[in-house]
Amino acid sequence: MLKALWLAGLATASITIQVHRVDPLPFSASGIATSASDLFSRSCPEEAENTASLLASSFDDLEGRNVFPSSDGFVRGAVEAWAKHEHLILRPDEIWFEVLAQMNVYMSTHSEALRHLFVDHSGREKITVEGFSWDGIIGAFRGEIQSRVKTEWLLEWITPGFSTSTAQDDVTATVLMMGLMQHFFEFEGMV
């Protein structure tokens, strides 16, 4: 009986969260990436040491170029914006890429258990494409992967179709799709 009264009391309790008007801190440009290679080397120092050069980047096309290097830019950006009372603008595409990135982590551990859902072959099948640019080659991988998997919906499902989506988002989604399928396919591109 006491437990029921206690639960009823919780259900009728009111909670008030005080919100204080705090202006955002002044924007500090210290730490902003100055180039694509700077962004890469400061975001992924282990990978950058073992990589001769970047193949492609959309860094020069960015508006404003207020990009801060981080190995976990989404979470770090949200935490820092909150901590510094800064404005945070997110597109649905960015949220979707975080979901796909986490699916890549899951797939890396469970690829064999999920293999039957995507392909009928064992091991890794080689996909070779040629093109005039890396964007073109990445785009060619999209179609090649889709034509070789059992799931007719994979490409459409992975590709963001939001009103905010751009051609660069399609490239990003394709790279994430390649990551999901890396245990089933080996990718080779030639410019």
N, C-alpha and C. Protein backbone atom coordinates (compact mmCIF):
# COMPACT_ATOMS: atom_id res chain seq x y z
N MET A 1 0.82 -1.19 0.00
CA MET A 1 0.00 0.00 0.00
C MET A 1 0.87 1.26 0.00
N LEU A 2 1.91 1.26 0.84
CA LEU A 2 2.80 2.41 0.88
C LEU A 2 3.50 2.61 -0.46
N LYS A 3 3.87 1.48 -1.09
CA LYS A 3 4.55 1.56 -2.39
C LYS A 3 3.63 2.21 -3.42
N ALA A 4 2.34 1.84 -3.41
CA ALA A 4 1.38 2.41 -4.35
C ALA A 4 1.21 3.91 -4.10
N LEU A 5 1.16 4.32 -2.84
CA LEU A 5 1.04 5.75 -2.52
C LEU A 5 2.29 6.51 -2.94
N TRP A 6 3.45 5.88 -2.72
CA TRP A 6 4.72 6.51 -3.11
C TRP A 6 4.77 6.71 -4.63
N LEU A 7 4.38 5.67 -5.40
CA LEU A 7 4.36 5.78 -6.86
C LEU A 7 3.35 6.82 -7.32
N ALA A 8 2.19 6.88 -6.66
CA ALA A 8 1.19 7.88 -7.02
C ALA A 8 1.73 9.29 -6.75
N GLY A 9 2.48 9.42 -5.67
CA GLY A 9 3.09 10.72 -5.36
C GLY A 9 4.10 11.13 -6.41
N LEU A 10 4.87 10.16 -6.91
CA LEU A 10 5.83 10.46 -7.98
C LEU A 10 5.12 10.91 -9.25
N ALA A 11 4.01 10.26 -9.55
CA ALA A 11 3.28 10.58 -10.78
C ALA A 11 2.69 11.98 -10.74
N THR A 12 2.40 12.47 -9.56
CA THR A 12 1.79 13.80 -9.47
C THR A 12 2.79 14.88 -9.10
N ALA A 13 4.03 14.49 -8.84
CA ALA A 13 5.05 15.48 -8.47
C ALA A 13 5.36 16.38 -9.65
N SER A 14 5.63 17.62 -9.36
CA SER A 14 6.00 18.54 -10.44
C SER A 14 7.50 18.77 -10.40
N ILE A 15 8.07 18.86 -11.56
CA ILE A 15 9.50 19.11 -11.70
C ILE A 15 9.67 20.41 -12.45
N THR A 16 10.49 21.29 -11.92
CA THR A 16 10.75 22.56 -12.56
C THR A 16 12.23 22.67 -12.84
N ILE A 17 12.57 22.94 -14.08
CA ILE A 17 13.96 23.14 -14.46
C ILE A 17 14.13 24.62 -14.74
N GLN A 18 15.00 25.24 -13.98
CA GLN A 18 15.25 26.66 -14.16
C GLN A 18 16.17 26.86 -15.37
N VAL A 19 15.73 27.67 -16.29
CA VAL A 19 16.53 27.99 -17.46
C VAL A 19 16.98 29.44 -17.32
N HIS A 20 18.27 29.62 -17.33
CA HIS A 20 18.82 30.97 -17.21
C HIS A 20 19.26 31.45 -18.58
N ARG A 21 19.05 32.69 -18.81
CA ARG A 21 19.46 33.30 -20.08
C ARG A 21 20.96 33.55 -20.02
N VAL A 22 21.69 32.77 -20.79
CA VAL A 22 23.14 32.92 -20.84
C VAL A 22 23.51 33.16 -22.30
N ASP A 23 24.18 34.24 -22.54
CA ASP A 23 24.62 34.52 -23.90
C ASP A 23 25.78 33.61 -24.27
N PRO A 24 25.87 33.23 -25.55
CA PRO A 24 27.01 32.42 -25.97
C PRO A 24 28.32 33.16 -25.75
N LEU A 25 29.36 32.40 -25.48
CA LEU A 25 30.69 33.00 -25.35
C LEU A 25 31.14 33.51 -26.71
N PRO A 26 32.02 34.47 -26.74
CA PRO A 26 32.54 34.93 -28.04
C PRO A 26 33.23 33.77 -28.77
N PHE A 27 33.07 33.75 -30.06
CA PHE A 27 33.67 32.69 -30.88
C PHE A 27 35.18 32.79 -30.85
N SER A 28 35.83 31.67 -30.61
CA SER A 28 37.29 31.62 -30.60
C SER A 28 37.74 30.78 -31.79
N ALA A 29 38.53 31.37 -32.65
CA ALA A 29 38.98 30.67 -33.85
C ALA A 29 40.24 29.84 -33.61
N SER A 30 40.74 29.80 -32.38
CA SER A 30 41.94 29.00 -32.14
C SER A 30 41.61 27.52 -32.29
N GLY A 31 42.46 26.83 -32.97
CA GLY A 31 42.27 25.39 -33.17
C GLY A 31 41.57 25.02 -34.46
N ILE A 32 41.15 26.00 -35.25
CA ILE A 32 40.46 25.71 -36.51
C ILE A 32 41.46 25.11 -37.50
N ALA A 33 41.01 24.11 -38.24
CA ALA A 33 41.86 23.51 -39.28
C ALA A 33 42.10 24.51 -40.39
N THR A 34 43.32 24.53 -40.90
CA THR A 34 43.68 25.49 -41.93
C THR A 34 43.69 24.89 -43.33
N SER A 35 43.68 23.56 -43.42
CA SER A 35 43.70 22.89 -44.73
C SER A 35 43.16 21.48 -44.55
N ALA A 36 42.92 20.81 -45.67
CA ALA A 36 42.43 19.43 -45.61
C ALA A 36 43.45 18.52 -44.92
N SER A 37 44.73 18.70 -45.25
CA SER A 37 45.75 17.84 -44.63
C SER A 37 45.90 18.14 -43.14
N ASP A 38 45.74 19.40 -42.75
CA ASP A 38 45.78 19.77 -41.33
C ASP A 38 44.61 19.12 -40.59
N LEU A 39 43.42 19.18 -41.18
CA LEU A 39 42.24 18.56 -40.59
C LEU A 39 42.46 17.06 -40.42
N PHE A 40 42.96 16.40 -41.46
CA PHE A 40 43.17 14.96 -41.42
C PHE A 40 44.21 14.57 -40.37
N SER A 41 45.35 15.25 -40.39
CA SER A 41 46.43 14.87 -39.47
C SER A 41 46.08 15.13 -38.01
N ARG A 42 45.28 16.16 -37.75
CA ARG A 42 44.90 16.45 -36.36
C ARG A 42 43.68 15.66 -35.91
N SER A 43 42.85 15.19 -36.84
CA SER A 43 41.68 14.38 -36.48
C SER A 43 42.04 12.91 -36.34
N CYS A 44 42.94 12.45 -37.18
CA CYS A 44 43.30 11.03 -37.24
C CYS A 44 44.81 10.86 -37.23
N PRO A 45 45.48 11.19 -36.14
CA PRO A 45 46.94 11.17 -36.16
C PRO A 45 47.54 9.81 -36.48
N GLU A 46 46.92 8.72 -35.99
CA GLU A 46 47.46 7.39 -36.27
C GLU A 46 47.35 7.05 -37.75
N GLU A 47 46.20 7.36 -38.34
CA GLU A 47 46.00 7.07 -39.76
C GLU A 47 46.86 7.97 -40.63
N ALA A 48 47.00 9.23 -40.24
CA ALA A 48 47.76 10.19 -41.05
C ALA A 48 49.23 9.81 -41.14
N GLU A 49 49.77 9.20 -40.08
CA GLU A 49 51.18 8.78 -40.11
C GLU A 49 51.42 7.71 -41.17
N ASN A 50 50.42 6.87 -41.42
CA ASN A 50 50.57 5.75 -42.34
C ASN A 50 50.01 6.02 -43.72
N THR A 51 49.65 7.26 -44.02
CA THR A 51 49.04 7.61 -45.29
C THR A 51 49.95 8.58 -46.03
N ALA A 52 50.21 8.28 -47.29
CA ALA A 52 51.09 9.15 -48.08
C ALA A 52 50.43 10.50 -48.34
N SER A 53 49.15 10.50 -48.74
CA SER A 53 48.47 11.76 -49.03
C SER A 53 46.97 11.54 -49.08
N LEU A 54 46.23 12.63 -49.01
CA LEU A 54 44.78 12.57 -49.17
C LEU A 54 44.45 12.41 -50.64
N LEU A 55 43.47 11.58 -50.94
CA LEU A 55 43.06 11.40 -52.33
C LEU A 55 42.06 12.46 -52.76
N ALA A 56 41.15 12.83 -51.85
CA ALA A 56 40.13 13.82 -52.18
C ALA A 56 39.64 14.47 -50.90
N SER A 57 39.14 15.68 -51.03
CA SER A 57 38.61 16.40 -49.88
C SER A 57 37.64 17.47 -50.37
N SER A 58 36.62 17.73 -49.56
CA SER A 58 35.70 18.83 -49.85
C SER A 58 35.99 20.03 -48.95
N PHE A 59 37.13 20.02 -48.28
CA PHE A 59 37.48 21.08 -47.34
C PHE A 59 37.44 22.46 -47.99
N ASP A 60 37.99 22.59 -49.19
CA ASP A 60 38.03 23.90 -49.86
C ASP A 60 36.65 24.40 -50.26
N ASP A 61 35.65 23.51 -50.31
CA ASP A 61 34.30 23.90 -50.70
C ASP A 61 33.44 24.31 -49.51
N LEU A 62 33.95 24.15 -48.30
CA LEU A 62 33.16 24.44 -47.11
C LEU A 62 32.89 25.92 -46.95
N GLU A 63 31.66 26.23 -46.53
CA GLU A 63 31.32 27.62 -46.23
C GLU A 63 31.89 27.98 -44.87
N GLY A 64 32.55 29.09 -44.78
CA GLY A 64 33.05 29.56 -43.50
C GLY A 64 34.30 28.87 -42.99
N ARG A 65 34.44 27.62 -43.28
CA ARG A 65 35.59 26.80 -42.87
C ARG A 65 35.90 26.87 -41.38
N ASN A 66 34.90 26.95 -40.54
CA ASN A 66 35.11 26.88 -39.10
C ASN A 66 35.05 25.42 -38.68
N VAL A 67 36.08 24.68 -39.04
CA VAL A 67 36.11 23.24 -38.79
C VAL A 67 37.19 22.96 -37.75
N PHE A 68 36.78 22.31 -36.68
CA PHE A 68 37.71 21.96 -35.61
C PHE A 68 38.05 20.48 -35.72
N PRO A 69 39.32 20.13 -35.80
CA PRO A 69 39.72 18.73 -35.89
C PRO A 69 39.35 17.97 -34.61
N SER A 70 38.86 16.75 -34.77
CA SER A 70 38.53 15.91 -33.63
C SER A 70 38.34 14.49 -34.12
N SER A 71 38.72 13.53 -33.28
CA SER A 71 38.49 12.14 -33.66
C SER A 71 37.03 11.76 -33.49
N ASP A 72 36.27 12.53 -32.75
CA ASP A 72 34.83 12.31 -32.62
C ASP A 72 34.15 13.66 -32.69
N GLY A 73 34.13 14.23 -33.88
CA GLY A 73 33.65 15.58 -34.07
C GLY A 73 32.21 15.81 -33.66
N PHE A 74 31.35 14.84 -33.87
CA PHE A 74 29.93 15.03 -33.56
C PHE A 74 29.72 15.20 -32.06
N VAL A 75 30.17 14.23 -31.29
CA VAL A 75 29.97 14.27 -29.85
C VAL A 75 30.76 15.43 -29.24
N ARG A 76 32.00 15.58 -29.65
CA ARG A 76 32.83 16.66 -29.10
C ARG A 76 32.21 18.02 -29.42
N GLY A 77 31.73 18.18 -30.63
CA GLY A 77 31.11 19.45 -31.01
C GLY A 77 29.88 19.76 -30.18
N ALA A 78 29.05 18.75 -29.94
CA ALA A 78 27.85 18.96 -29.13
C ALA A 78 28.21 19.31 -27.69
N VAL A 79 29.17 18.59 -27.13
CA VAL A 79 29.58 18.86 -25.75
C VAL A 79 30.20 20.25 -25.63
N GLU A 80 31.08 20.60 -26.55
CA GLU A 80 31.72 21.92 -26.48
C GLU A 80 30.71 23.04 -26.69
N ALA A 81 29.77 22.85 -27.61
CA ALA A 81 28.75 23.89 -27.82
C ALA A 81 27.93 24.08 -26.55
N TRP A 82 27.58 22.98 -25.91
CA TRP A 82 26.83 23.08 -24.66
C TRP A 82 27.66 23.75 -23.58
N ALA A 83 28.91 23.31 -23.42
CA ALA A 83 29.77 23.84 -22.36
C ALA A 83 30.07 25.32 -22.54
N LYS A 84 30.17 25.77 -23.77
CA LYS A 84 30.52 27.16 -24.04
C LYS A 84 29.30 28.02 -24.38
N HIS A 85 28.11 27.43 -24.26
CA HIS A 85 26.88 28.15 -24.58
C HIS A 85 26.90 28.67 -26.02
N GLU A 86 27.41 27.86 -26.92
CA GLU A 86 27.47 28.25 -28.33
C GLU A 86 26.28 27.67 -29.08
N HIS A 87 25.96 28.28 -30.18
CA HIS A 87 24.90 27.77 -31.03
C HIS A 87 25.39 26.53 -31.75
N LEU A 88 24.53 25.53 -31.89
CA LEU A 88 24.88 24.30 -32.57
C LEU A 88 23.84 24.05 -33.65
N ILE A 89 24.28 23.99 -34.88
CA ILE A 89 23.38 23.74 -36.00
C ILE A 89 23.70 22.37 -36.56
N LEU A 90 22.72 21.49 -36.58
CA LEU A 90 22.90 20.14 -37.10
C LEU A 90 21.95 19.90 -38.25
N ARG A 91 22.46 19.22 -39.27
CA ARG A 91 21.61 18.79 -40.37
C ARG A 91 21.23 17.33 -40.12
N PRO A 92 20.09 16.88 -40.60
CA PRO A 92 19.73 15.47 -40.41
C PRO A 92 20.75 14.54 -41.06
N ASP A 93 21.42 15.00 -42.09
CA ASP A 93 22.44 14.20 -42.75
C ASP A 93 23.55 13.82 -41.77
N GLU A 94 23.95 14.76 -40.93
CA GLU A 94 25.03 14.51 -39.98
C GLU A 94 24.62 13.49 -38.93
N ILE A 95 23.38 13.54 -38.50
CA ILE A 95 22.87 12.54 -37.56
C ILE A 95 22.87 11.17 -38.24
N TRP A 96 22.41 11.11 -39.48
CA TRP A 96 22.36 9.86 -40.23
C TRP A 96 23.76 9.26 -40.39
N PHE A 97 24.75 10.09 -40.66
CA PHE A 97 26.12 9.58 -40.81
C PHE A 97 26.63 8.99 -39.50
N GLU A 98 26.24 9.57 -38.38
CA GLU A 98 26.62 8.99 -37.08
C GLU A 98 25.99 7.62 -36.90
N VAL A 99 24.74 7.47 -37.32
CA VAL A 99 24.07 6.16 -37.25
C VAL A 99 24.83 5.16 -38.13
N LEU A 100 25.15 5.55 -39.36
CA LEU A 100 25.87 4.65 -40.26
C LEU A 100 27.26 4.32 -39.73
N ALA A 101 27.93 5.27 -39.11
CA ALA A 101 29.26 5.01 -38.54
C ALA A 101 29.16 3.97 -37.43
N GLN A 102 28.13 4.06 -36.61
CA GLN A 102 27.95 3.06 -35.55
C GLN A 102 27.58 1.70 -36.13
N MET A 103 26.84 1.71 -37.23
CA MET A 103 26.53 0.44 -37.90
C MET A 103 27.81 -0.20 -38.44
N ASN A 104 28.76 0.62 -38.89
CA ASN A 104 30.05 0.10 -39.35
C ASN A 104 30.76 -0.61 -38.21
N VAL A 105 30.72 -0.03 -37.02
CA VAL A 105 31.35 -0.66 -35.85
C VAL A 105 30.68 -2.00 -35.57
N TYR A 106 29.35 -2.03 -35.59
CA TYR A 106 28.61 -3.27 -35.35
C TYR A 106 28.93 -4.31 -36.42
N MET A 107 28.94 -3.88 -37.68
CA MET A 107 29.19 -4.80 -38.79
C MET A 107 30.59 -5.40 -38.72
N SER A 108 31.55 -4.63 -38.25
CA SER A 108 32.92 -5.15 -38.13
C SER A 108 32.98 -6.35 -37.20
N THR A 109 32.14 -6.34 -36.18
CA THR A 109 32.13 -7.43 -35.21
C THR A 109 31.20 -8.57 -35.62
N HIS A 110 30.15 -8.28 -36.35
CA HIS A 110 29.12 -9.28 -36.65
C HIS A 110 28.95 -9.57 -38.14
N SER A 111 29.94 -9.28 -38.95
CA SER A 111 29.77 -9.41 -40.40
C SER A 111 29.44 -10.84 -40.83
N GLU A 112 30.07 -11.82 -40.23
CA GLU A 112 29.81 -13.21 -40.65
C GLU A 112 28.41 -13.66 -40.27
N ALA A 113 27.92 -13.22 -39.13
CA ALA A 113 26.56 -13.57 -38.72
C ALA A 113 25.52 -12.92 -39.63
N LEU A 114 25.88 -11.79 -40.26
CA LEU A 114 24.94 -11.07 -41.12
C LEU A 114 25.18 -11.31 -42.61
N ARG A 115 26.22 -12.04 -42.94
CA ARG A 115 26.61 -12.26 -44.34
C ARG A 115 25.43 -12.74 -45.18
N HIS A 116 24.66 -13.70 -44.67
CA HIS A 116 23.55 -14.28 -45.44
C HIS A 116 22.49 -13.25 -45.84
N LEU A 117 22.42 -12.14 -45.12
CA LEU A 117 21.45 -11.10 -45.45
C LEU A 117 21.87 -10.27 -46.66
N PHE A 118 23.18 -10.22 -46.92
CA PHE A 118 23.70 -9.32 -47.95
C PHE A 118 24.26 -10.02 -49.18
N VAL A 119 24.98 -11.13 -48.99
CA VAL A 119 25.62 -11.80 -50.13
C VAL A 119 25.53 -13.31 -49.99
N ASP A 120 25.73 -13.99 -51.12
CA ASP A 120 25.74 -15.45 -51.11
C ASP A 120 27.15 -16.02 -51.14
N HIS A 121 28.14 -15.22 -51.47
CA HIS A 121 29.51 -15.74 -51.59
C HIS A 121 30.22 -15.72 -50.24
N SER A 122 31.28 -16.52 -50.16
CA SER A 122 32.13 -16.50 -48.97
C SER A 122 33.36 -15.66 -49.30
N GLY A 123 34.06 -15.22 -48.29
CA GLY A 123 35.24 -14.40 -48.51
C GLY A 123 34.88 -13.02 -49.03
N ARG A 124 35.84 -12.42 -49.75
CA ARG A 124 35.64 -11.07 -50.29
C ARG A 124 35.73 -11.11 -51.81
N GLU A 125 34.71 -10.60 -52.45
CA GLU A 125 34.68 -10.48 -53.91
C GLU A 125 35.30 -9.14 -54.29
N LYS A 126 36.12 -9.13 -55.33
CA LYS A 126 36.80 -7.90 -55.74
C LYS A 126 35.91 -7.07 -56.66
N ILE A 127 35.83 -5.78 -56.37
CA ILE A 127 35.12 -4.83 -57.22
C ILE A 127 36.16 -3.83 -57.72
N THR A 128 36.32 -3.75 -59.03
CA THR A 128 37.27 -2.82 -59.64
C THR A 128 36.50 -1.83 -60.50
N VAL A 129 36.75 -0.55 -60.29
CA VAL A 129 36.12 0.49 -61.11
C VAL A 129 37.18 1.47 -61.57
N GLU A 130 36.90 2.11 -62.69
CA GLU A 130 37.79 3.14 -63.23
C GLU A 130 37.00 4.42 -63.40
N GLY A 131 37.70 5.54 -63.32
CA GLY A 131 37.04 6.82 -63.49
C GLY A 131 38.05 7.93 -63.71
N PHE A 132 37.53 9.14 -63.90
CA PHE A 132 38.38 10.30 -64.15
C PHE A 132 38.66 11.09 -62.87
N SER A 133 37.89 10.82 -61.81
CA SER A 133 38.08 11.51 -60.53
C SER A 133 37.72 10.55 -59.41
N TRP A 134 38.18 10.86 -58.21
CA TRP A 134 37.85 10.00 -57.08
C TRP A 134 36.36 10.07 -56.76
N ASP A 135 35.73 11.22 -56.94
CA ASP A 135 34.28 11.29 -56.74
C ASP A 135 33.56 10.36 -57.70
N GLY A 136 34.04 10.32 -58.95
CA GLY A 136 33.45 9.43 -59.95
C GLY A 136 33.65 7.97 -59.60
N ILE A 137 34.83 7.65 -59.10
CA ILE A 137 35.11 6.27 -58.71
C ILE A 137 34.25 5.86 -57.53
N ILE A 138 34.14 6.73 -56.53
CA ILE A 138 33.28 6.44 -55.38
C ILE A 138 31.85 6.24 -55.85
N GLY A 139 31.39 7.11 -56.76
CA GLY A 139 30.05 6.96 -57.31
C GLY A 139 29.86 5.64 -58.04
N ALA A 140 30.88 5.19 -58.73
CA ALA A 140 30.80 3.90 -59.44
C ALA A 140 30.70 2.74 -58.45
N PHE A 141 31.37 2.85 -57.32
CA PHE A 141 31.28 1.80 -56.30
C PHE A 141 29.85 1.66 -55.80
N ARG A 142 29.11 2.77 -55.73
CA ARG A 142 27.71 2.73 -55.27
C ARG A 142 26.91 1.72 -56.06
N GLY A 143 26.95 1.91 -57.39
CA GLY A 143 26.18 1.02 -58.26
C GLY A 143 26.68 -0.41 -58.24
N GLU A 144 28.00 -0.58 -58.20
CA GLU A 144 28.57 -1.93 -58.19
C GLU A 144 28.20 -2.69 -56.92
N ILE A 145 28.25 -2.02 -55.80
CA ILE A 145 27.86 -2.69 -54.55
C ILE A 145 26.39 -3.07 -54.62
N GLN A 146 25.54 -2.11 -55.01
CA GLN A 146 24.11 -2.37 -55.05
C GLN A 146 23.77 -3.53 -55.98
N SER A 147 24.48 -3.62 -57.11
CA SER A 147 24.18 -4.70 -58.06
C SER A 147 24.63 -6.07 -57.56
N ARG A 148 25.47 -6.12 -56.53
CA ARG A 148 26.02 -7.39 -56.05
C ARG A 148 25.45 -7.85 -54.71
N VAL A 149 24.65 -7.03 -54.06
CA VAL A 149 24.07 -7.43 -52.78
C VAL A 149 22.65 -7.94 -52.98
N LYS A 150 22.18 -8.73 -52.03
CA LYS A 150 20.84 -9.31 -52.12
C LYS A 150 19.74 -8.32 -51.72
N THR A 151 20.09 -7.30 -50.99
CA THR A 151 19.12 -6.33 -50.50
C THR A 151 18.92 -5.23 -51.54
N GLU A 152 17.75 -5.22 -52.16
CA GLU A 152 17.46 -4.23 -53.21
C GLU A 152 17.41 -2.81 -52.67
N TRP A 153 17.18 -2.66 -51.39
CA TRP A 153 16.95 -1.36 -50.77
C TRP A 153 18.21 -0.72 -50.20
N LEU A 154 19.35 -1.41 -50.21
CA LEU A 154 20.54 -0.94 -49.49
C LEU A 154 20.97 0.48 -49.90
N LEU A 155 21.17 0.70 -51.17
CA LEU A 155 21.66 2.01 -51.64
C LEU A 155 20.67 3.13 -51.30
N GLU A 156 19.41 2.89 -51.57
CA GLU A 156 18.40 3.91 -51.29
C GLU A 156 18.31 4.19 -49.79
N TRP A 157 18.45 3.15 -48.98
CA TRP A 157 18.35 3.29 -47.54
C TRP A 157 19.55 4.05 -46.97
N ILE A 158 20.74 3.77 -47.49
CA ILE A 158 21.96 4.40 -46.97
C ILE A 158 22.08 5.86 -47.40
N THR A 159 21.66 6.17 -48.61
CA THR A 159 21.81 7.52 -49.16
C THR A 159 20.83 8.48 -48.49
N PRO A 160 21.34 9.56 -47.89
CA PRO A 160 20.41 10.51 -47.27
C PRO A 160 19.60 11.22 -48.34
N GLY A 161 18.34 11.38 -48.09
CA GLY A 161 17.48 12.05 -49.06
C GLY A 161 16.77 13.23 -48.45
N PHE A 162 17.46 13.91 -47.56
CA PHE A 162 16.86 15.05 -46.88
C PHE A 162 16.92 16.29 -47.77
N SER A 163 16.14 17.28 -47.44
CA SER A 163 16.17 18.53 -48.22
C SER A 163 17.52 19.23 -48.07
N THR A 164 18.28 18.86 -47.06
CA THR A 164 19.59 19.46 -46.82
C THR A 164 20.73 18.67 -47.47
N SER A 165 20.43 17.52 -48.05
CA SER A 165 21.47 16.64 -48.60
C SER A 165 22.15 17.26 -49.81
N THR A 166 23.46 17.01 -49.91
CA THR A 166 24.26 17.53 -51.02
C THR A 166 24.95 16.38 -51.74
N ALA A 167 25.61 16.70 -52.84
CA ALA A 167 26.39 15.69 -53.57
C ALA A 167 27.51 15.14 -52.68
N GLN A 168 28.10 15.98 -51.85
CA GLN A 168 29.15 15.51 -50.93
C GLN A 168 28.58 14.53 -49.91
N ASP A 169 27.32 14.73 -49.52
CA ASP A 169 26.69 13.79 -48.60
C ASP A 169 26.52 12.42 -49.26
N ASP A 170 26.23 12.41 -50.56
CA ASP A 170 26.12 11.14 -51.28
C ASP A 170 27.46 10.41 -51.30
N VAL A 171 28.54 11.16 -51.49
CA VAL A 171 29.89 10.56 -51.47
C VAL A 171 30.17 10.00 -50.08
N THR A 172 29.86 10.77 -49.04
CA THR A 172 30.08 10.31 -47.67
C THR A 172 29.28 9.05 -47.39
N ALA A 173 28.02 9.03 -47.81
CA ALA A 173 27.18 7.85 -47.60
C ALA A 173 27.75 6.64 -48.33
N THR A 174 28.29 6.85 -49.52
CA THR A 174 28.87 5.74 -50.28
C THR A 174 30.11 5.19 -49.58
N VAL A 175 30.95 6.07 -49.06
CA VAL A 175 32.14 5.61 -48.33
C VAL A 175 31.70 4.82 -47.09
N LEU A 176 30.67 5.27 -46.40
CA LEU A 176 30.16 4.52 -45.26
C LEU A 176 29.56 3.19 -45.69
N MET A 177 28.92 3.15 -46.86
CA MET A 177 28.40 1.89 -47.39
C MET A 177 29.55 0.94 -47.71
N MET A 178 30.63 1.47 -48.27
CA MET A 178 31.81 0.65 -48.54
C MET A 178 32.35 0.07 -47.24
N GLY A 179 32.33 0.88 -46.18
CA GLY A 179 32.76 0.38 -44.87
C GLY A 179 31.88 -0.74 -44.38
N LEU A 180 30.57 -0.61 -44.56
CA LEU A 180 29.65 -1.67 -44.15
C LEU A 180 29.91 -2.97 -44.92
N MET A 181 30.29 -2.85 -46.17
CA MET A 181 30.45 -4.02 -47.03
C MET A 181 31.89 -4.50 -47.16
N GLN A 182 32.83 -3.91 -46.41
CA GLN A 182 34.24 -4.24 -46.57
C GLN A 182 34.58 -5.69 -46.23
N HIS A 183 33.74 -6.37 -45.48
CA HIS A 183 34.01 -7.77 -45.15
C HIS A 183 33.53 -8.70 -46.26
N PHE A 184 32.76 -8.17 -47.19
CA PHE A 184 32.23 -8.97 -48.29
C PHE A 184 32.86 -8.62 -49.62
N PHE A 185 33.41 -7.41 -49.73
CA PHE A 185 33.99 -6.94 -50.99
C PHE A 185 35.35 -6.29 -50.75
N GLU A 186 36.21 -6.41 -51.75
CA GLU A 186 37.49 -5.70 -51.78
C GLU A 186 37.36 -4.64 -52.86
N PHE A 187 37.72 -3.41 -52.57
CA PHE A 187 37.51 -2.31 -53.49
C PHE A 187 38.82 -1.86 -54.12
N GLU A 188 38.78 -1.71 -55.45
CA GLU A 188 39.94 -1.22 -56.19
C GLU A 188 39.47 -0.17 -57.18
N GLY A 189 40.01 1.04 -57.06
CA GLY A 189 39.64 2.12 -57.97
C GLY A 189 40.85 2.65 -58.69
N MET A 190 40.67 2.94 -59.98
CA MET A 190 41.78 3.46 -60.80
C MET A 190 41.37 4.74 -61.48
N VAL A 191 42.21 5.78 -61.30
CA VAL A 191 41.96 7.07 -61.95
C VAL A 191 42.76 7.11 -63.23
